[in-house]
Amino acid sequence: MSQVILTLGGVPFQDMEVPEKISFGGRQNVVVQKLIGGGRVVEALGLDDGKISFSGIFSGSDAVRRTQMLDAARALGASLPLVWDGFFYTVIIEEFCAEYRKSNLIPFAITCVVVSDPLASLVAMAAPAANLISNDLTMISAFSGHAGISLDGVSAASVGGIKAIQGKMATVVGTSGVALSEATSMLNSGGDPGSGVSAVNQIGIQSSQLAVATAASGYVKRVAKNLVSEVL
């Protein structure tokens, strides 16, 4: 059994569904000015994240349902959280290909375009912990607002306050995950067109909610770590 935990949106991958490899990375946009005499001036203009791609085989009694969830997310162009090991990205599924062989045996391949990489900033990691905490608290406040989470009365600059925020984020992630699953089940039930449209809309809303809350959770986790390091 694989020890890797991989999730995309509200869809978990397990066992042989977890890919043997996940391609990621990108490039740094640079401008090179060549000087007389062989010298050069190189300017870094910023990150250009590459696409993230992987493949595997869906199995189990809910293989069809999870395949349909990802295909619906592709059709919607929804921003989804992609998480594995120590990596977290917000992505849009650019391409999703699946091959139905049996109801519990569906090979697939996914290509995602990176919308943001909230946790991987080498510049931020090189900054003092106090600066990181301040910047991350700003991001937490912004994400919380988008997720509809009120931080009134919570001191985000204390360990106790951060734990309270973690609890709020976990609740939103859980609630959005359940709602996403229910909306997908409604879409799969084959009801009237009105119900289908409503289900598709809910999938988009809950996918976005889940992405925002998951992104905020990453910042909250880093603030908690840096607060402890500041105290020590």
C-alpha atoms as a PDB file:
ATOM      1  CA  MET A   1       0.000   0.000   0.000  1.00  0.00           C
ATOM      2  CA  SER A   2       1.323   3.417  -0.951  1.00  0.00           C
ATOM      3  CA  GLN A   3       2.395   5.746   1.849  1.00  0.00           C
ATOM      4  CA  VAL A   4       1.914   8.821  -0.354  1.00  0.00           C
ATOM      5  CA  ILE A   5      -1.222  10.886   0.277  1.00  0.00           C
ATOM      6  CA  LEU A   6      -2.439  12.720  -2.821  1.00  0.00           C
ATOM      7  CA  THR A   7      -5.630  14.738  -3.209  1.00  0.00           C
ATOM      8  CA  LEU A   8      -6.930  16.936  -6.024  1.00  0.00           C
ATOM      9  CA  GLY A   9      -9.945  19.023  -5.093  1.00  0.00           C
ATOM     10  CA  GLY A  10     -12.240  16.695  -3.176  1.00  0.00           C
ATOM     11  CA  VAL A  11     -10.832  13.569  -4.830  1.00  0.00           C
ATOM     12  CA  PRO A  12      -8.411  11.342  -2.877  1.00  0.00           C
ATOM     13  CA  PHE A  13      -5.961   9.010  -4.617  1.00  0.00           C
ATOM     14  CA  GLN A  14      -4.899   5.771  -2.962  1.00  0.00           C
ATOM     15  CA  ASP A  15      -2.954   2.563  -3.572  1.00  0.00           C
ATOM     16  CA  MET A  16      -2.254   2.075  -7.307  1.00  0.00           C
ATOM     17  CA  GLU A  17      -4.051   5.357  -8.063  1.00  0.00           C
ATOM     18  CA  VAL A  18      -1.098   7.235  -6.580  1.00  0.00           C
ATOM     19  CA  PRO A  19       1.300   7.886  -9.483  1.00  0.00           C
ATOM     20  CA  GLU A  20       4.845   6.532  -9.559  1.00  0.00           C
ATOM     21  CA  LYS A  21       5.988  10.041 -10.426  1.00  0.00           C
ATOM     22  CA  ILE A  22       4.580  13.577 -10.479  1.00  0.00           C
ATOM     23  CA  SER A  23       6.182  16.028 -12.888  1.00  0.00           C
ATOM     24  CA  PHE A  24       6.424  19.592 -11.587  1.00  0.00           C
ATOM     25  CA  GLY A  25       8.753  22.603 -11.576  1.00  0.00           C
ATOM     26  CA  GLY A  26       9.075  25.416 -14.065  1.00  0.00           C
ATOM     27  CA  ARG A  27      11.481  28.129 -15.055  1.00  0.00           C
ATOM     28  CA  GLN A  28      12.661  31.586 -14.047  1.00  0.00           C
ATOM     29  CA  ASN A  29      12.036  34.264 -16.652  1.00  0.00           C
ATOM     30  CA  VAL A  30      15.319  36.022 -17.287  1.00  0.00           C
ATOM     31  CA  VAL A  31      16.648  38.751 -19.573  1.00  0.00           C
ATOM     32  CA  VAL A  32      20.283  38.474 -20.598  1.00  0.00           C
ATOM     33  CA  GLN A  33      22.085  41.577 -21.858  1.00  0.00           C
ATOM     34  CA  LYS A  34      25.399  40.734 -23.507  1.00  0.00           C
ATOM     35  CA  LEU A  35      28.157  43.320 -23.050  1.00  0.00           C
ATOM     36  CA  ILE A  36      31.183  44.152 -25.132  1.00  0.00           C
ATOM     37  CA  GLY A  37      34.099  42.026 -24.038  1.00  0.00           C
ATOM     38  CA  GLY A  38      32.047  38.953 -23.206  1.00  0.00           C
ATOM     39  CA  GLY A  39      30.347  40.164 -20.023  1.00  0.00           C
ATOM     40  CA  ARG A  40      26.650  39.923 -19.428  1.00  0.00           C
ATOM     41  CA  VAL A  41      23.919  41.352 -17.199  1.00  0.00           C
ATOM     42  CA  VAL A  42      21.229  38.900 -16.143  1.00  0.00           C
ATOM     43  CA  GLU A  43      17.902  40.092 -14.730  1.00  0.00           C
ATOM     44  CA  ALA A  44      15.431  37.736 -13.073  1.00  0.00           C
ATOM     45  CA  LEU A  45      11.867  38.725 -13.982  1.00  0.00           C
ATOM     46  CA  GLY A  46       9.930  36.177 -11.959  1.00  0.00           C
ATOM     47  CA  LEU A  47       8.665  32.624 -11.805  1.00  0.00           C
ATOM     48  CA  ASP A  48       7.032  30.794 -14.680  1.00  0.00           C
ATOM     49  CA  ASP A  49       5.577  27.613 -13.176  1.00  0.00           C
ATOM     50  CA  GLY A  50       5.439  24.599 -15.446  1.00  0.00           C
ATOM     51  CA  LYS A  51       2.547  22.189 -15.725  1.00  0.00           C
ATOM     52  CA  ILE A  52       2.018  19.375 -13.224  1.00  0.00           C
ATOM     53  CA  SER A  53       1.183  16.008 -14.718  1.00  0.00           C
ATOM     54  CA  PHE A  54       0.679  12.477 -13.456  1.00  0.00           C
ATOM     55  CA  SER A  55      -1.188   9.279 -14.271  1.00  0.00           C
ATOM     56  CA  GLY A  56      -2.501   6.179 -12.544  1.00  0.00           C
ATOM     57  CA  ILE A  57      -5.429   3.769 -12.379  1.00  0.00           C
ATOM     58  CA  PHE A  58      -8.645   4.466 -10.495  1.00  0.00           C
ATOM     59  CA  SER A  59      -9.978   1.409  -8.707  1.00  0.00           C
ATOM     60  CA  GLY A  60     -12.596   0.490  -6.124  1.00  0.00           C
ATOM     61  CA  SER A  61     -16.367   0.824  -5.990  1.00  0.00           C
ATOM     62  CA  ASP A  62     -16.266   4.636  -6.355  1.00  0.00           C
ATOM     63  CA  ALA A  63     -13.823   4.746  -9.288  1.00  0.00           C
ATOM     64  CA  VAL A  64     -16.496   5.980 -11.719  1.00  0.00           C
ATOM     65  CA  ARG A  65     -17.722   8.671  -9.323  1.00  0.00           C
ATOM     66  CA  ARG A  66     -14.259  10.087  -8.729  1.00  0.00           C
ATOM     67  CA  THR A  67     -13.482  10.026 -12.442  1.00  0.00           C
ATOM     68  CA  GLN A  68     -16.655  11.998 -13.137  1.00  0.00           C
ATOM     69  CA  MET A  69     -15.810  14.515 -10.393  1.00  0.00           C
ATOM     70  CA  LEU A  70     -12.457  15.296 -12.001  1.00  0.00           C
ATOM     71  CA  ASP A  71     -13.959  15.507 -15.479  1.00  0.00           C
ATOM     72  CA  ALA A  72     -16.629  17.907 -14.162  1.00  0.00           C
ATOM     73  CA  ALA A  73     -13.921  20.034 -12.531  1.00  0.00           C
ATOM     74  CA  ARG A  74     -12.054  20.107 -15.864  1.00  0.00           C
ATOM     75  CA  ALA A  75     -15.208  21.211 -17.676  1.00  0.00           C
ATOM     76  CA  LEU A  76     -15.832  23.961 -15.120  1.00  0.00           C
ATOM     77  CA  GLY A  77     -12.263  25.244 -15.133  1.00  0.00           C
ATOM     78  CA  ALA A  78     -12.428  25.314 -11.331  1.00  0.00           C
ATOM     79  CA  SER A  79      -9.393  26.221  -9.204  1.00  0.00           C
ATOM     80  CA  LEU A  80      -8.594  23.203  -7.039  1.00  0.00           C
ATOM     81  CA  PRO A  81      -6.093  22.415  -4.281  1.00  0.00           C
ATOM     82  CA  LEU A  82      -3.508  19.809  -5.278  1.00  0.00           C
ATOM     83  CA  VAL A  83      -1.698  18.373  -2.261  1.00  0.00           C
ATOM     84  CA  TRP A  84       0.849  15.602  -1.803  1.00  0.00           C
ATOM     85  CA  ASP A  85       3.633  15.035   0.695  1.00  0.00           C
ATOM     86  CA  GLY A  86       5.028  18.531   1.459  1.00  0.00           C
ATOM     87  CA  PHE A  87       3.689  20.102  -1.736  1.00  0.00           C
ATOM     88  CA  PHE A  88       0.644  22.321  -2.169  1.00  0.00           C
ATOM     89  CA  TYR A  89      -0.580  24.087  -5.293  1.00  0.00           C
ATOM     90  CA  THR A  90      -3.775  25.694  -6.502  1.00  0.00           C
ATOM     91  CA  VAL A  91      -4.360  24.375 -10.024  1.00  0.00           C
ATOM     92  CA  ILE A  92      -6.805  24.166 -12.905  1.00  0.00           C
ATOM     93  CA  ILE A  93      -7.147  20.840 -14.722  1.00  0.00           C
ATOM     94  CA  GLU A  94      -6.059  21.539 -18.286  1.00  0.00           C
ATOM     95  CA  GLU A  95      -6.430  17.990 -19.527  1.00  0.00           C
ATOM     96  CA  PHE A  96      -8.022  14.888 -18.044  1.00  0.00           C
ATOM     97  CA  CYS A  97      -8.052  11.635 -20.006  1.00  0.00           C
ATOM     98  CA  ALA A  98      -9.563   8.395 -18.740  1.00  0.00           C
ATOM     99  CA  GLU A  99     -10.079   4.949 -20.263  1.00  0.00           C
ATOM    100  CA  TYR A 100     -13.059   3.023 -18.958  1.00  0.00           C
ATOM    101  CA  ARG A 101     -12.238  -0.681 -18.838  1.00  0.00           C
ATOM    102  CA  LYS A 102     -14.393  -1.804 -15.917  1.00  0.00           C
ATOM    103  CA  SER A 103     -16.375   0.085 -13.307  1.00  0.00           C
ATOM    104  CA  ASN A 104     -13.489  -0.470 -10.893  1.00  0.00           C
ATOM    105  CA  LEU A 105     -10.602  -0.218 -13.365  1.00  0.00           C
ATOM    106  CA  ILE A 106     -10.149   3.172 -15.057  1.00  0.00           C
ATOM    107  CA  PRO A 107      -6.644   4.306 -16.133  1.00  0.00           C
ATOM    108  CA  PHE A 108      -6.251   8.083 -16.210  1.00  0.00           C
ATOM    109  CA  ALA A 109      -3.824  10.902 -16.978  1.00  0.00           C
ATOM    110  CA  ILE A 110      -4.035  14.467 -15.653  1.00  0.00           C
ATOM    111  CA  THR A 111      -2.285  17.683 -16.637  1.00  0.00           C
ATOM    112  CA  CYS A 112      -2.723  20.736 -14.391  1.00  0.00           C
ATOM    113  CA  VAL A 113      -1.828  24.385 -14.868  1.00  0.00           C
ATOM    114  CA  VAL A 114      -0.517  26.057 -11.700  1.00  0.00           C
ATOM    115  CA  VAL A 115      -2.600  29.021 -10.562  1.00  0.00           C
ATOM    116  CA  SER A 116      -0.507  29.677  -7.460  1.00  0.00           C
ATOM    117  CA  ASP A 117       2.131  28.048  -5.284  1.00  0.00           C
ATOM    118  CA  PRO A 118       1.422  29.615  -1.865  1.00  0.00           C
ATOM    119  CA  LEU A 119       3.951  27.606   0.114  1.00  0.00           C
ATOM    120  CA  ALA A 120       7.005  27.704  -2.145  1.00  0.00           C
ATOM    121  CA  SER A 121       8.627  31.131  -2.045  1.00  0.00           C
ATOM    122  CA  LEU A 122      12.390  31.004  -1.706  1.00  0.00           C
ATOM    123  CA  VAL A 123      12.525  34.748  -1.177  1.00  0.00           C
ATOM    124  CA  ALA A 124      10.043  34.548   1.684  1.00  0.00           C
ATOM    125  CA  MET A 125      11.873  31.605   3.249  1.00  0.00           C
ATOM    126  CA  ALA A 126      15.053  33.679   3.357  1.00  0.00           C
ATOM    127  CA  ALA A 127      13.300  36.517   5.215  1.00  0.00           C
ATOM    128  CA  PRO A 128      13.276  36.827   9.033  1.00  0.00           C
ATOM    129  CA  ALA A 129      10.534  34.878  10.820  1.00  0.00           C
ATOM    130  CA  ALA A 130       8.845  38.102  11.963  1.00  0.00           C
ATOM    131  CA  ASN A 131       8.472  39.263   8.355  1.00  0.00           C
ATOM    132  CA  LEU A 132       7.166  35.877   7.289  1.00  0.00           C
ATOM    133  CA  ILE A 133       4.580  35.916  10.067  1.00  0.00           C
ATOM    134  CA  SER A 134       3.396  39.392   9.135  1.00  0.00           C
ATOM    135  CA  ASN A 135       3.096  38.541   5.434  1.00  0.00           C
ATOM    136  CA  ASP A 136       1.388  35.229   6.123  1.00  0.00           C
ATOM    137  CA  LEU A 137      -1.122  36.835   8.486  1.00  0.00           C
ATOM    138  CA  THR A 138      -2.080  39.204   5.673  1.00  0.00           C
ATOM    139  CA  MET A 139      -2.643  36.256   3.348  1.00  0.00           C
ATOM    140  CA  ILE A 140      -4.636  34.375   6.010  1.00  0.00           C
ATOM    141  CA  SER A 141      -6.898  37.385   6.456  1.00  0.00           C
ATOM    142  CA  ALA A 142      -7.462  37.633   2.693  1.00  0.00           C
ATOM    143  CA  PHE A 143      -8.138  33.926   2.241  1.00  0.00           C
ATOM    144  CA  SER A 144     -10.421  33.858   5.294  1.00  0.00           C
ATOM    145  CA  GLY A 145     -12.529  36.624   3.827  1.00  0.00           C
ATOM    146  CA  HIS A 146     -12.921  34.712   0.546  1.00  0.00           C
ATOM    147  CA  ALA A 147     -13.822  31.559   2.470  1.00  0.00           C
ATOM    148  CA  GLY A 148     -16.427  33.428   4.536  1.00  0.00           C
ATOM    149  CA  ILE A 149     -14.565  32.814   7.807  1.00  0.00           C
ATOM    150  CA  SER A 150     -14.694  35.542  10.431  1.00  0.00           C
ATOM    151  CA  LEU A 151     -11.533  36.131  12.449  1.00  0.00           C
ATOM    152  CA  ASP A 152     -13.160  38.736  14.702  1.00  0.00           C
ATOM    153  CA  GLY A 153     -12.002  38.320  18.277  1.00  0.00           C
ATOM    154  CA  VAL A 154      -9.214  35.903  17.321  1.00  0.00           C
ATOM    155  CA  SER A 155      -5.598  36.941  17.870  1.00  0.00           C
ATOM    156  CA  ALA A 156      -3.768  35.489  14.877  1.00  0.00           C
ATOM    157  CA  ALA A 157      -0.438  36.579  16.356  1.00  0.00           C
ATOM    158  CA  SER A 158      -0.654  34.068  19.225  1.00  0.00           C
ATOM    159  CA  VAL A 159      -0.290  30.286  19.258  1.00  0.00           C
ATOM    160  CA  GLY A 160      -3.743  29.924  20.834  1.00  0.00           C
ATOM    161  CA  GLY A 161      -5.302  32.153  18.190  1.00  0.00           C
ATOM    162  CA  ILE A 162      -3.645  30.218  15.387  1.00  0.00           C
ATOM    163  CA  LYS A 163      -5.006  26.950  16.797  1.00  0.00           C
ATOM    164  CA  ALA A 164      -8.491  28.482  16.807  1.00  0.00           C
ATOM    165  CA  ILE A 165      -8.090  29.500  13.158  1.00  0.00           C
ATOM    166  CA  GLN A 166      -6.842  26.018  12.278  1.00  0.00           C
ATOM    167  CA  GLY A 167     -10.043  24.629  13.761  1.00  0.00           C
ATOM    168  CA  LYS A 168     -12.178  27.020  11.701  1.00  0.00           C
ATOM    169  CA  MET A 169     -10.311  26.118   8.509  1.00  0.00           C
ATOM    170  CA  ALA A 170     -10.625  22.385   9.192  1.00  0.00           C
ATOM    171  CA  THR A 171     -14.383  22.815   9.619  1.00  0.00           C
ATOM    172  CA  VAL A 172     -14.701  24.632   6.280  1.00  0.00           C
ATOM    173  CA  VAL A 173     -12.557  22.030   4.493  1.00  0.00           C
ATOM    174  CA  GLY A 174     -14.691  19.215   5.912  1.00  0.00           C
ATOM    175  CA  THR A 175     -17.998  20.923   5.150  1.00  0.00           C
ATOM    176  CA  SER A 176     -16.962  21.856   1.603  1.00  0.00           C
ATOM    177  CA  GLY A 177     -15.719  18.317   0.960  1.00  0.00           C
ATOM    178  CA  VAL A 178     -19.063  16.824   2.027  1.00  0.00           C
ATOM    179  CA  ALA A 179     -21.017  19.388  -0.025  1.00  0.00           C
ATOM    180  CA  LEU A 180     -18.813  18.698  -3.058  1.00  0.00           C
ATOM    181  CA  SER A 181     -19.456  14.968  -2.748  1.00  0.00           C
ATOM    182  CA  GLU A 182     -23.223  15.523  -2.414  1.00  0.00           C
ATOM    183  CA  ALA A 183     -23.301  17.805  -5.463  1.00  0.00           C
ATOM    184  CA  THR A 184     -21.385  15.218  -7.488  1.00  0.00           C
ATOM    185  CA  SER A 185     -23.823  12.486  -6.421  1.00  0.00           C
ATOM    186  CA  MET A 186     -26.710  14.724  -7.511  1.00  0.00           C
ATOM    187  CA  LEU A 187     -25.036  15.245 -10.888  1.00  0.00           C
ATOM    188  CA  ASN A 188     -24.560  11.490 -11.291  1.00  0.00           C
ATOM    189  CA  SER A 189     -28.160  10.683 -10.346  1.00  0.00           C
ATOM    190  CA  GLY A 190     -29.358  11.723 -13.790  1.00  0.00           C
ATOM    191  CA  GLY A 191     -32.259  13.883 -12.594  1.00  0.00           C
ATOM    192  CA  ASP A 192     -33.948  16.729 -14.429  1.00  0.00           C
ATOM    193  CA  PRO A 193     -31.856  19.378 -16.280  1.00  0.00           C
ATOM    194  CA  GLY A 194     -32.498  21.990 -13.591  1.00  0.00           C
ATOM    195  CA  SER A 195     -31.019  19.746 -10.900  1.00  0.00           C
ATOM    196  CA  GLY A 196     -28.033  19.021 -13.117  1.00  0.00           C
ATOM    197  CA  VAL A 197     -27.285  22.713 -13.631  1.00  0.00           C
ATOM    198  CA  SER A 198     -27.643  23.338  -9.900  1.00  0.00           C
ATOM    199  CA  ALA A 199     -25.273  20.453  -9.152  1.00  0.00           C
ATOM    200  CA  VAL A 200     -22.645  21.756 -11.596  1.00  0.00           C
ATOM    201  CA  ASN A 201     -22.868  25.229 -10.030  1.00  0.00           C
ATOM    202  CA  GLN A 202     -22.455  23.758  -6.557  1.00  0.00           C
ATOM    203  CA  ILE A 203     -19.414  21.750  -7.670  1.00  0.00           C
ATOM    204  CA  GLY A 204     -17.792  24.985  -8.849  1.00  0.00           C
ATOM    205  CA  ILE A 205     -18.663  26.866  -5.644  1.00  0.00           C
ATOM    206  CA  GLN A 206     -17.564  24.117  -3.278  1.00  0.00           C
ATOM    207  CA  SER A 207     -14.358  23.403  -5.241  1.00  0.00           C
ATOM    208  CA  SER A 208     -13.396  27.079  -4.954  1.00  0.00           C
ATOM    209  CA  GLN A 209     -14.311  27.138  -1.254  1.00  0.00           C
ATOM    210  CA  LEU A 210     -12.217  24.039  -0.643  1.00  0.00           C
ATOM    211  CA  ALA A 211      -9.262  25.518  -2.561  1.00  0.00           C
ATOM    212  CA  VAL A 212      -9.366  28.786  -0.609  1.00  0.00           C
ATOM    213  CA  ALA A 213      -9.685  27.109   2.787  1.00  0.00           C
ATOM    214  CA  THR A 214      -6.877  24.655   1.988  1.00  0.00           C
ATOM    215  CA  ALA A 215      -4.609  27.476   0.820  1.00  0.00           C
ATOM    216  CA  ALA A 216      -5.317  29.410   4.020  1.00  0.00           C
ATOM    217  CA  SER A 217      -4.544  26.302   6.067  1.00  0.00           C
ATOM    218  CA  GLY A 218      -1.066  26.180   4.529  1.00  0.00           C
ATOM    219  CA  TYR A 219      -0.336  29.739   5.655  1.00  0.00           C
ATOM    220  CA  VAL A 220      -1.801  29.065   9.099  1.00  0.00           C
ATOM    221  CA  LYS A 221       0.451  26.032   9.507  1.00  0.00           C
ATOM    222  CA  ARG A 222       3.538  28.053   8.582  1.00  0.00           C
ATOM    223  CA  VAL A 223       2.596  30.891  10.958  1.00  0.00           C
ATOM    224  CA  ALA A 224       2.217  28.368  13.789  1.00  0.00           C
ATOM    225  CA  LYS A 225       5.683  26.986  13.052  1.00  0.00           C
ATOM    226  CA  ASN A 226       7.283  30.445  12.878  1.00  0.00           C
ATOM    227  CA  LEU A 227       5.536  31.638  16.040  1.00  0.00           C
ATOM    228  CA  VAL A 228       7.055  28.731  17.936  1.00  0.00           C
ATOM    229  CA  SER A 229      10.509  29.494  16.495  1.00  0.00           C
ATOM    230  CA  GLU A 230      10.142  33.159  17.530  1.00  0.00           C
ATOM    231  CA  VAL A 231       9.285  32.151  21.095  1.00  0.00           C
ATOM    232  CA  LEU A 232      12.255  29.794  21.264  1.00  0.00           C
END
